[in-house]
Amino acid sequence: MINDDELRKKFEQIIEQHKGILYKVARTYCQNDDDRQDLVQEIMIQIWKSLHTYNNSFALSTWLFRISLNVAISFYRKNEHRKKNTIPLPEELEIMYVEESNEKQEMLSLLDMFISELNHIDKALILLYLEEKSYAEIAEIMAISITNVGTKLGRIKEKLKSKFLKLHL
């Protein structure tokens, strides 16, 4: 059995190595910095509470995405009344935008806005897709069938494409 000190070290190592997952999920579900920080803290609490149940036969990133998305969806449902139209990007991504053309910046901002308008399940699916997770990995994380992943992602892509086309008509 693992002692408390070893568990704490394992937790700290997981958070340090995989904090990107937590922040990406938080950015997708929360539009302001305070909410994002609250959500990241809630995710970390749930990871800590669940750490002793982690099964090494599953990829750590899959386990972390599943916890992060479950916490985010619950958080989103509790705070749905605070929805806004845009999701600001983290500062480190804003720096990358400075070097890109205004048109590309505008398209990425629109994509963020359109994603923010999706329901909580669709946000999770498109986030995992944009993270280049395979349909099988997405299915495992979301606890749905691979066929369902493909169908839902196809609909989401069409919805996003339709929004872009409406703007350019």
Protein backbone atom coordinates (compact mmCIF):
# COMPACT_ATOMS: atom_id res chain seq x y z
CA MET A 1 0.00 0.00 0.00
CA ILE A 2 1.23 3.47 -0.87
CA ASN A 3 1.81 5.89 2.03
CA ASP A 4 0.58 9.50 2.18
CA ASP A 5 3.96 11.00 1.33
CA GLU A 6 4.35 8.79 -1.77
CA LEU A 7 0.77 9.59 -2.80
CA ARG A 8 1.42 13.33 -2.44
CA LYS A 9 4.59 13.07 -4.54
CA LYS A 10 2.75 11.07 -7.19
CA PHE A 11 -0.04 13.66 -7.22
CA GLU A 12 2.41 16.56 -7.58
CA GLN A 13 4.23 14.77 -10.40
CA ILE A 14 0.97 14.05 -12.26
CA ILE A 15 -0.21 17.65 -11.93
CA GLU A 16 3.14 19.06 -13.05
CA GLN A 17 3.42 16.75 -16.06
CA HIS A 18 -0.21 16.97 -17.17
CA LYS A 19 -1.36 20.43 -16.08
CA GLY A 20 -1.95 21.27 -19.74
CA ILE A 21 -4.95 18.92 -19.78
CA LEU A 22 -6.50 20.67 -16.78
CA TYR A 23 -5.97 24.14 -18.24
CA LYS A 24 -7.28 23.19 -21.69
CA VAL A 25 -10.46 21.77 -20.20
CA ALA A 26 -10.87 24.80 -17.94
CA ARG A 27 -10.34 27.19 -20.87
CA THR A 28 -12.98 25.39 -22.88
CA TYR A 29 -15.60 25.52 -20.13
CA CYS A 30 -14.87 28.85 -18.41
CA GLN A 31 -14.71 32.28 -19.91
CA ASN A 32 -13.01 34.29 -17.20
CA ASP A 33 -9.82 33.77 -15.24
CA ASP A 34 -11.46 33.43 -11.83
CA ASP A 35 -13.82 30.69 -13.03
CA ARG A 36 -10.95 28.90 -14.80
CA GLN A 37 -8.86 28.92 -11.64
CA ASP A 38 -11.82 27.66 -9.60
CA LEU A 39 -12.41 24.85 -12.09
CA VAL A 40 -8.74 23.85 -12.18
CA GLN A 41 -8.79 23.71 -8.37
CA GLU A 42 -11.95 21.54 -8.42
CA ILE A 43 -10.33 19.21 -10.96
CA MET A 44 -7.19 18.91 -8.84
CA ILE A 45 -9.28 18.12 -5.76
CA GLN A 46 -11.09 15.35 -7.64
CA ILE A 47 -7.80 13.96 -8.98
CA TRP A 48 -6.45 13.87 -5.42
CA LYS A 49 -9.60 12.14 -4.14
CA SER A 50 -9.48 9.60 -6.98
CA LEU A 51 -5.74 8.99 -7.14
CA HIS A 52 -5.89 5.82 -5.06
CA THR A 53 -8.37 4.33 -7.58
CA TYR A 54 -6.19 4.90 -10.67
CA ASN A 55 -5.72 1.69 -12.65
CA ASN A 56 -2.34 1.51 -14.43
CA SER A 57 -3.89 -0.49 -17.27
CA PHE A 58 -5.40 2.79 -18.57
CA ALA A 59 -3.41 5.68 -19.98
CA LEU A 60 -2.93 8.38 -17.37
CA SER A 61 -4.01 11.07 -19.84
CA THR A 62 -7.26 9.21 -20.53
CA TRP A 63 -7.97 9.01 -16.80
CA LEU A 64 -7.14 12.71 -16.33
CA PHE A 65 -9.32 13.78 -19.27
CA ARG A 66 -12.21 11.74 -17.91
CA ILE A 67 -11.96 13.31 -14.45
CA SER A 68 -11.36 16.80 -15.84
CA LEU A 69 -14.30 16.65 -18.22
CA ASN A 70 -16.66 15.18 -15.62
CA VAL A 71 -15.76 17.93 -13.15
CA ALA A 72 -16.00 20.60 -15.87
CA ILE A 73 -19.42 19.43 -17.01
CA SER A 74 -20.69 19.48 -13.41
CA PHE A 75 -19.11 22.89 -12.87
CA TYR A 76 -20.62 24.13 -16.14
CA ARG A 77 -24.09 22.92 -15.18
CA LYS A 78 -23.86 24.63 -11.79
CA ASN A 79 -22.66 27.88 -13.33
CA GLU A 80 -24.53 27.84 -16.65
CA HIS A 81 -26.23 31.15 -15.88
CA ARG A 82 -22.82 32.84 -16.16
CA LYS A 83 -22.36 31.89 -19.82
CA LYS A 84 -20.79 34.49 -22.11
CA ASN A 85 -20.12 34.60 -25.84
CA THR A 86 -16.35 34.20 -25.92
CA ILE A 87 -13.58 32.21 -24.33
CA PRO A 88 -10.37 34.18 -23.93
CA LEU A 89 -7.20 32.27 -24.68
CA PRO A 90 -4.47 31.73 -22.10
CA GLU A 91 -1.67 34.29 -22.20
CA GLU A 92 0.85 31.81 -23.61
CA LEU A 93 -1.39 31.23 -26.64
CA GLU A 94 -1.97 34.96 -27.11
CA ILE A 95 1.79 35.40 -27.56
CA MET A 96 1.68 32.92 -30.45
CA TYR A 97 -1.11 34.92 -32.07
CA VAL A 98 1.01 38.07 -32.27
CA GLU A 99 3.07 36.45 -35.01
CA GLU A 100 0.06 35.28 -37.02
CA SER A 101 -1.94 37.23 -39.58
CA ASN A 102 -5.01 39.20 -38.53
CA GLU A 103 -7.21 36.97 -40.67
CA LYS A 104 -5.99 33.81 -38.96
CA GLN A 105 -6.44 35.50 -35.56
CA GLU A 106 -9.99 36.40 -36.47
CA MET A 107 -10.77 32.85 -37.62
CA LEU A 108 -9.36 31.32 -34.43
CA SER A 109 -11.29 33.80 -32.29
CA LEU A 110 -14.46 32.91 -34.15
CA LEU A 111 -13.76 29.21 -33.66
CA ASP A 112 -13.32 29.79 -29.91
CA MET A 113 -16.58 31.73 -29.84
CA PHE A 114 -18.47 29.05 -31.79
CA ILE A 115 -17.08 26.31 -29.54
CA SER A 116 -18.16 28.28 -26.47
CA GLU A 117 -21.73 28.18 -27.80
CA LEU A 118 -21.79 24.37 -27.97
CA ASN A 119 -23.45 22.30 -25.26
CA HIS A 120 -21.17 20.83 -22.60
CA ILE A 121 -20.91 17.36 -24.17
CA ASP A 122 -20.11 18.74 -27.63
CA LYS A 123 -17.45 21.01 -26.12
CA ALA A 124 -15.80 17.98 -24.56
CA LEU A 125 -15.90 16.04 -27.83
CA ILE A 126 -14.43 18.85 -29.93
CA LEU A 127 -11.76 19.55 -27.28
CA LEU A 128 -10.61 15.94 -27.40
CA TYR A 129 -10.76 15.97 -31.22
CA LEU A 130 -8.65 19.15 -31.34
CA GLU A 131 -6.22 17.43 -28.95
CA GLU A 132 -5.83 14.85 -31.75
CA LYS A 133 -7.22 12.01 -29.66
CA SER A 134 -8.33 9.00 -31.70
CA TYR A 135 -12.02 8.14 -31.87
CA ALA A 136 -11.25 5.11 -29.68
CA GLU A 137 -9.58 7.30 -27.04
CA ILE A 138 -12.46 9.80 -27.16
CA ALA A 139 -14.96 6.96 -26.81
CA GLU A 140 -13.10 5.63 -23.77
CA ILE A 141 -12.84 9.05 -22.11
CA MET A 142 -16.46 9.99 -22.82
CA ALA A 143 -17.82 6.48 -22.14
CA ILE A 144 -19.67 6.33 -25.48
CA SER A 145 -19.26 4.12 -28.54
CA ILE A 146 -16.74 4.87 -31.29
CA THR A 147 -19.63 5.09 -33.76
CA ASN A 148 -21.33 7.65 -31.53
CA VAL A 149 -18.10 9.68 -31.39
CA GLY A 150 -17.91 9.74 -35.19
CA THR A 151 -21.55 10.70 -35.58
CA LYS A 152 -21.42 13.43 -32.96
CA LEU A 153 -18.14 14.87 -34.25
CA GLY A 154 -19.53 14.91 -37.78
CA ARG A 155 -22.53 16.92 -36.58
CA ILE A 156 -20.36 19.29 -34.55
CA LYS A 157 -18.06 19.92 -37.53
CA GLU A 158 -21.07 20.61 -39.75
CA LYS A 159 -22.50 22.99 -37.15
CA LEU A 160 -19.19 24.88 -36.91
CA LYS A 161 -18.75 24.91 -40.69
CA SER A 162 -22.28 26.26 -41.11
CA LYS A 163 -21.55 29.12 -38.68
CA PHE A 164 -18.41 30.06 -40.61
CA LEU A 165 -20.28 29.94 -43.93
CA LYS A 166 -23.04 32.20 -42.60
CA LEU A 167 -20.42 34.82 -41.77
CA HIS A 168 -18.91 34.77 -45.25
CA LEU A 169 -22.16 35.01 -47.21
